[in-house]
Amino acid sequence: MSARSDISFLVGSESRTAILNALASEPQRPTDLARSCDCARETAQRTLAGFCNRGWVEKSDGNYRLTPGGKMVYDRYQELVASVDRADRFGEFLTNVGDAVIDVEADVLDQLTVTTASDGDPHAPIDRYLTILGDDTVDNFRGVTPIVSRIFNESAENVLGTETKMELVIDESVLERAKSAYTDSLELAYELEQFSLRVTKTELDFGLLLVDGHGAVASYDEDGNMAAIVDGGDEAVLEWIESLYESIRTQAAPIERRG
C-alpha cells in the first residue's frame, strides 16, 4: 500500500477519522467505538481491521489501541485539519497580502482575529481598523500604508495628542498621491514634532498598525480596497507584527522635516 492510498482510506469515511480520534483518547472495544462514533459495529470492525493492516492499531486484551505509528498518523492528521481550517479562515487575507505571512508560526495565526470583507458587509475590515484605533488619544502609533485614504487620515488625527509618538511608513507612490490629494494633511504632519514620516522605494502591498499594545495587518485587493485585516494583542502576535514593521522600516528613509 502507498501513502496516498493509506491517506485515501483514512479520509474516505467520517467514521474512520472518528474512530482514529476516539482511539487517540483511550483503548476501546469495537462495540464501544460503534456507539461513541455513531456507526455500525461491522463498520467499526472493518475500520479496525484496515488500521491493523496498516500498523496503526493493535489489539490487546480485547481492546484496540493506537500503535506509535498510529499516534504519528493521528498527530499529523490533526495538523492537516488545523492547517486547512487556517487556510479557510485566512483565505481572503492570504490571497491579497503577498509574502508577509509566509513564516508566521501556527500559534500566532491561531491568536489572530480575522475580519474579512463580504458582499453583505464590504466595510467590515475598515470598521475593525477604526475599532482597533479607537477614539481616545494614544501614546504610540506606528503604521504602514500602501494607499492614500481620507478615512485613515481623519481617524489618525482623532487619536493623536501633543505627546503621541507617531511614525508612518509609505512608499513613493503614496507620497506623490498625498502631495496632490492631501496637501494640508501632509503639511500638518510635517509641522508635528513627534511625527516621523519614512518613505520606501519598495512598493507596499499591505497595511500595518501598532498602537498601544495592539497590532494589525491589513491586505488590499487590486482596487486598493481593504479586503481583510488580522489583529491581536498577545505577546507572540505583537512580536510578529513588530518584526514585520521593522523589516519595512529599515528599508525606508526618513523625510527631512521642513524648516
Protein backbone atom coordinates (compact mmCIF):
# COMPACT_ATOMS: atom_id res chain seq x y z
CA MET A 1 0.00 0.00 0.00
CA SER A 2 1.18 3.50 -0.82
CA ALA A 3 0.98 6.55 1.42
CA ARG A 4 -1.58 8.05 -0.97
CA SER A 5 -3.86 5.00 -0.72
CA ASP A 6 -3.50 4.98 3.08
CA ILE A 7 -4.49 8.63 3.24
CA SER A 8 -7.44 7.97 0.93
CA PHE A 9 -8.52 5.12 3.18
CA LEU A 10 -8.41 7.30 6.30
CA VAL A 11 -10.21 10.35 4.93
CA GLY A 12 -12.63 8.38 2.78
CA SER A 13 -15.07 7.94 5.65
CA GLU A 14 -16.05 10.16 8.57
CA SER A 15 -16.39 7.09 10.76
CA ARG A 16 -12.72 6.20 10.17
CA THR A 17 -11.44 9.58 11.28
CA ALA A 18 -13.86 9.47 14.22
CA ILE A 19 -12.55 6.06 15.27
CA LEU A 20 -8.95 7.26 14.95
CA ASN A 21 -9.78 10.27 17.14
CA ALA A 22 -11.54 8.04 19.70
CA LEU A 23 -8.61 5.65 19.95
CA ALA A 24 -6.27 8.59 20.49
CA SER A 25 -8.13 9.21 23.75
CA GLU A 26 -8.11 5.65 25.11
CA PRO A 27 -8.13 1.98 24.01
CA GLN A 28 -11.64 0.76 23.18
CA ARG A 29 -13.62 -2.27 22.04
CA PRO A 30 -15.45 -2.32 18.71
CA THR A 31 -18.84 -2.09 20.41
CA ASP A 32 -17.78 0.99 22.36
CA LEU A 33 -16.32 2.58 19.24
CA ALA A 34 -19.50 1.94 17.28
CA ARG A 35 -21.52 3.63 20.00
CA SER A 36 -19.27 6.65 20.51
CA CYS A 37 -18.62 7.17 16.80
CA ASP A 38 -22.24 6.62 15.76
CA CYS A 39 -21.57 3.84 13.30
CA ALA A 40 -22.47 0.16 12.90
CA ARG A 41 -20.39 -2.39 14.79
CA GLU A 42 -19.47 -4.01 11.48
CA THR A 43 -18.19 -0.65 10.23
CA ALA A 44 -16.04 -0.25 13.34
CA GLN A 45 -14.64 -3.76 12.91
CA ARG A 46 -13.80 -3.21 9.23
CA THR A 47 -12.13 0.08 10.09
CA LEU A 48 -10.10 -1.52 12.87
CA ALA A 49 -9.04 -4.30 10.51
CA GLY A 50 -7.88 -1.69 8.00
CA PHE A 51 -5.99 0.19 10.69
CA CYS A 52 -4.36 -3.02 11.95
CA ASN A 53 -3.26 -3.94 8.41
CA ARG A 54 -1.57 -0.58 8.13
CA GLY A 55 0.15 -0.90 11.51
CA TRP A 56 -1.77 1.99 13.06
CA VAL A 57 -3.72 -0.08 15.60
CA GLU A 58 -3.10 -3.22 17.64
CA LYS A 59 -5.35 -5.43 19.74
CA SER A 60 -4.60 -6.14 23.38
CA ASP A 61 -6.91 -7.85 25.89
CA GLY A 62 -9.92 -7.28 23.67
CA ASN A 63 -9.25 -3.55 23.31
CA TYR A 64 -7.82 -1.77 20.30
CA ARG A 65 -5.24 0.94 20.78
CA LEU A 66 -3.04 3.11 18.62
CA THR A 67 0.49 1.98 17.91
CA PRO A 68 3.32 4.56 17.88
CA GLY A 69 2.84 4.70 14.11
CA GLY A 70 -0.89 5.23 14.58
CA LYS A 71 -0.22 8.03 17.05
CA MET A 72 2.04 9.65 14.47
CA VAL A 73 -0.69 9.40 11.82
CA TYR A 74 -3.20 10.88 14.28
CA ASP A 75 -0.92 13.81 15.15
CA ARG A 76 -0.16 14.62 11.51
CA TYR A 77 -3.84 14.33 10.58
CA GLN A 78 -4.77 16.82 13.31
CA GLU A 79 -2.12 19.19 12.00
CA LEU A 80 -3.54 18.87 8.48
CA VAL A 81 -7.06 19.58 9.69
CA ALA A 82 -5.82 22.63 11.59
CA SER A 83 -3.91 23.87 8.52
CA VAL A 84 -6.98 23.51 6.30
CA ASP A 85 -9.05 25.40 8.88
CA ARG A 86 -6.47 28.20 8.96
CA ALA A 87 -6.35 28.38 5.17
CA ASP A 88 -10.11 28.79 5.18
CA ARG A 89 -10.10 31.46 7.93
CA PHE A 90 -7.27 33.44 6.37
CA GLY A 91 -8.17 32.78 2.74
CA GLU A 92 -9.02 36.33 1.68
CA PHE A 93 -6.21 37.80 3.74
CA LEU A 94 -3.61 35.39 2.35
CA THR A 95 -4.76 35.93 -1.22
CA ASN A 96 -4.02 39.64 -1.08
CA VAL A 97 -1.24 40.11 1.48
CA GLY A 98 1.68 38.86 -0.58
CA ASP A 99 4.59 37.22 1.25
CA ALA A 100 4.06 38.94 4.61
CA VAL A 101 2.84 35.87 6.48
CA ILE A 102 4.84 33.06 4.89
CA ASP A 103 6.94 32.44 8.00
CA VAL A 104 4.27 33.10 10.63
CA GLU A 105 4.03 30.35 13.26
CA ALA A 106 0.74 28.49 13.57
CA ASP A 107 0.30 29.53 17.20
CA VAL A 108 0.48 33.18 16.14
CA LEU A 109 -2.15 32.69 13.46
CA ASP A 110 -4.41 30.97 15.96
CA GLN A 111 -4.33 34.05 18.22
CA LEU A 112 -5.34 36.48 15.49
CA THR A 113 -8.81 37.90 14.96
CA VAL A 114 -9.70 37.82 11.26
CA THR A 115 -12.13 40.28 9.70
CA THR A 116 -12.94 39.87 6.01
CA ALA A 117 -14.95 41.98 3.61
CA SER A 118 -18.06 40.30 2.22
CA ASP A 119 -20.91 41.17 -0.10
CA GLY A 120 -23.10 41.73 2.93
CA ASP A 121 -20.52 43.82 4.79
CA PRO A 122 -17.84 45.17 2.43
CA HIS A 123 -16.62 47.70 5.01
CA ALA A 124 -16.09 45.18 7.84
CA PRO A 125 -12.25 45.38 7.73
CA ILE A 126 -12.30 49.20 7.79
CA ASP A 127 -14.75 49.17 10.69
CA ARG A 128 -12.45 46.78 12.53
CA TYR A 129 -9.47 49.05 11.87
CA LEU A 130 -11.36 52.02 13.29
CA THR A 131 -12.36 49.95 16.33
CA ILE A 132 -8.75 48.97 16.97
CA LEU A 133 -7.63 52.58 16.66
CA GLY A 134 -10.44 53.84 18.87
CA ASP A 135 -11.36 57.43 19.70
CA ASP A 136 -9.05 58.19 22.62
CA THR A 137 -5.63 59.75 22.40
CA VAL A 138 -2.89 57.15 22.02
CA ASP A 139 0.69 57.17 23.30
CA ASN A 140 2.34 55.42 20.37
CA PHE A 141 1.29 55.00 16.75
CA ARG A 142 3.32 53.14 14.15
CA GLY A 143 1.89 52.35 10.77
CA VAL A 144 2.47 51.24 7.21
CA THR A 145 0.03 52.15 4.46
CA PRO A 146 0.02 51.31 0.75
CA ILE A 147 -2.86 53.70 -0.04
CA VAL A 148 -3.96 57.29 0.47
CA SER A 149 -7.23 57.44 2.38
CA ARG A 150 -9.26 60.29 3.84
CA ILE A 151 -10.80 57.90 6.38
CA PHE A 152 -7.40 56.80 7.64
CA ASN A 153 -6.08 60.36 7.77
CA GLU A 154 -9.05 61.60 9.78
CA SER A 155 -9.06 58.61 12.15
CA ALA A 156 -5.35 59.07 12.85
CA GLU A 157 -5.79 62.80 13.50
CA ASN A 158 -8.53 61.99 16.04
CA VAL A 159 -6.24 59.93 18.27
CA LEU A 160 -3.07 61.99 18.06
CA GLY A 161 -2.27 64.10 21.06
CA THR A 162 0.54 66.50 21.84
CA GLU A 163 2.56 63.70 23.44
CA THR A 164 1.75 60.97 20.90
CA LYS A 165 4.78 59.49 19.21
CA MET A 166 3.88 58.62 15.61
CA GLU A 167 5.83 57.05 12.80
CA LEU A 168 4.41 56.23 9.39
CA VAL A 169 6.00 54.31 6.52
CA ILE A 170 4.73 54.82 2.97
CA ASP A 171 6.09 54.16 -0.48
CA GLU A 172 6.97 56.75 -3.11
CA SER A 173 3.70 56.43 -5.00
CA VAL A 174 1.69 57.06 -1.81
CA LEU A 175 3.83 60.13 -1.08
CA GLU A 176 3.14 61.56 -4.52
CA ARG A 177 -0.61 60.99 -4.20
CA ALA A 178 -0.60 62.54 -0.73
CA LYS A 179 1.17 65.63 -2.07
CA SER A 180 -1.54 66.18 -4.66
CA ALA A 181 -4.68 64.98 -2.84
CA TYR A 182 -3.99 65.77 0.82
CA THR A 183 -1.62 68.69 0.80
CA ASP A 184 -2.98 70.21 4.01
CA SER A 185 -2.76 66.93 5.96
CA LEU A 186 0.80 66.40 4.75
CA GLU A 187 1.81 69.91 5.72
CA LEU A 188 0.27 69.44 9.15
CA ALA A 189 2.21 66.20 9.58
CA TYR A 190 5.47 67.97 8.72
CA GLU A 191 4.78 70.51 11.47
CA LEU A 192 4.31 67.92 14.25
CA GLU A 193 7.50 67.47 16.24
CA GLN A 194 6.50 63.97 17.39
CA PHE A 195 5.70 62.75 13.87
CA SER A 196 8.17 60.87 11.68
CA LEU A 197 7.49 60.01 8.04
CA ARG A 198 9.60 57.42 6.25
CA VAL A 199 9.44 56.52 2.56
CA THR A 200 10.49 53.29 0.92
CA LYS A 201 11.24 52.75 -2.75
CA THR A 202 9.72 49.29 -2.50
CA GLU A 203 6.04 49.24 -3.42
CA LEU A 204 3.98 48.30 -0.38
CA ASP A 205 1.23 45.73 -0.75
CA PHE A 206 -0.17 45.58 2.80
CA GLY A 207 -1.00 47.88 5.68
CA LEU A 208 0.10 47.66 9.30
CA LEU A 209 -0.81 49.29 12.59
CA LEU A 210 0.83 49.16 16.02
CA VAL A 211 -0.95 51.22 18.63
CA ASP A 212 -0.67 50.98 22.42
CA GLY A 213 -0.27 47.22 22.81
CA HIS A 214 -2.33 46.12 19.83
CA GLY A 215 -1.28 45.25 16.30
CA ALA A 216 -2.98 44.70 12.96
CA VAL A 217 -2.03 43.78 9.41
CA ALA A 218 -4.35 44.55 6.50
CA SER A 219 -4.48 43.20 2.96
CA TYR A 220 -5.84 45.11 -0.02
CA ASP A 221 -7.41 43.99 -3.27
CA GLU A 222 -6.26 45.13 -6.70
CA ASP A 223 -8.53 48.20 -6.49
CA GLY A 224 -6.94 49.39 -3.25
CA ASN A 225 -9.86 48.34 -1.05
CA MET A 226 -9.12 46.73 2.31
CA ALA A 227 -10.01 43.07 1.76
CA ALA A 228 -9.17 41.69 5.21
CA ILE A 229 -7.48 42.62 8.45
CA VAL A 230 -5.96 40.42 11.17
CA ASP A 231 -5.21 41.74 14.62
CA GLY A 232 -4.35 40.84 18.19
CA GLY A 233 -2.67 41.95 21.38
CA ASP A 234 -0.95 38.78 22.56
CA GLU A 235 2.81 38.85 23.01
CA ALA A 236 3.54 36.48 20.13
CA VAL A 237 1.26 38.44 17.80
CA LEU A 238 2.91 41.73 18.69
CA GLU A 239 6.38 40.25 18.22
CA TRP A 240 5.42 39.13 14.71
CA ILE A 241 3.86 42.45 13.72
CA GLU A 242 6.71 44.48 15.21
CA SER A 243 9.22 42.33 13.34
CA LEU A 244 7.26 42.85 10.14
CA TYR A 245 7.17 46.58 10.77
CA GLU A 246 10.91 46.77 11.37
CA SER A 247 11.61 44.85 8.16
CA ILE A 248 9.75 47.57 6.24
CA ARG A 249 11.04 50.47 8.31
CA THR A 250 14.70 49.61 7.76
CA GLN A 251 14.16 49.86 4.00
CA ALA A 252 12.63 53.34 4.32
CA ALA A 253 14.43 56.66 4.53
CA PRO A 254 13.13 59.44 6.80
CA ILE A 255 11.71 62.55 5.18
CA GLU A 256 13.61 65.58 6.44
CA ARG A 257 11.47 67.93 8.50
CA ARG A 258 10.83 71.23 6.78
CA GLY A 259 12.15 74.30 8.47
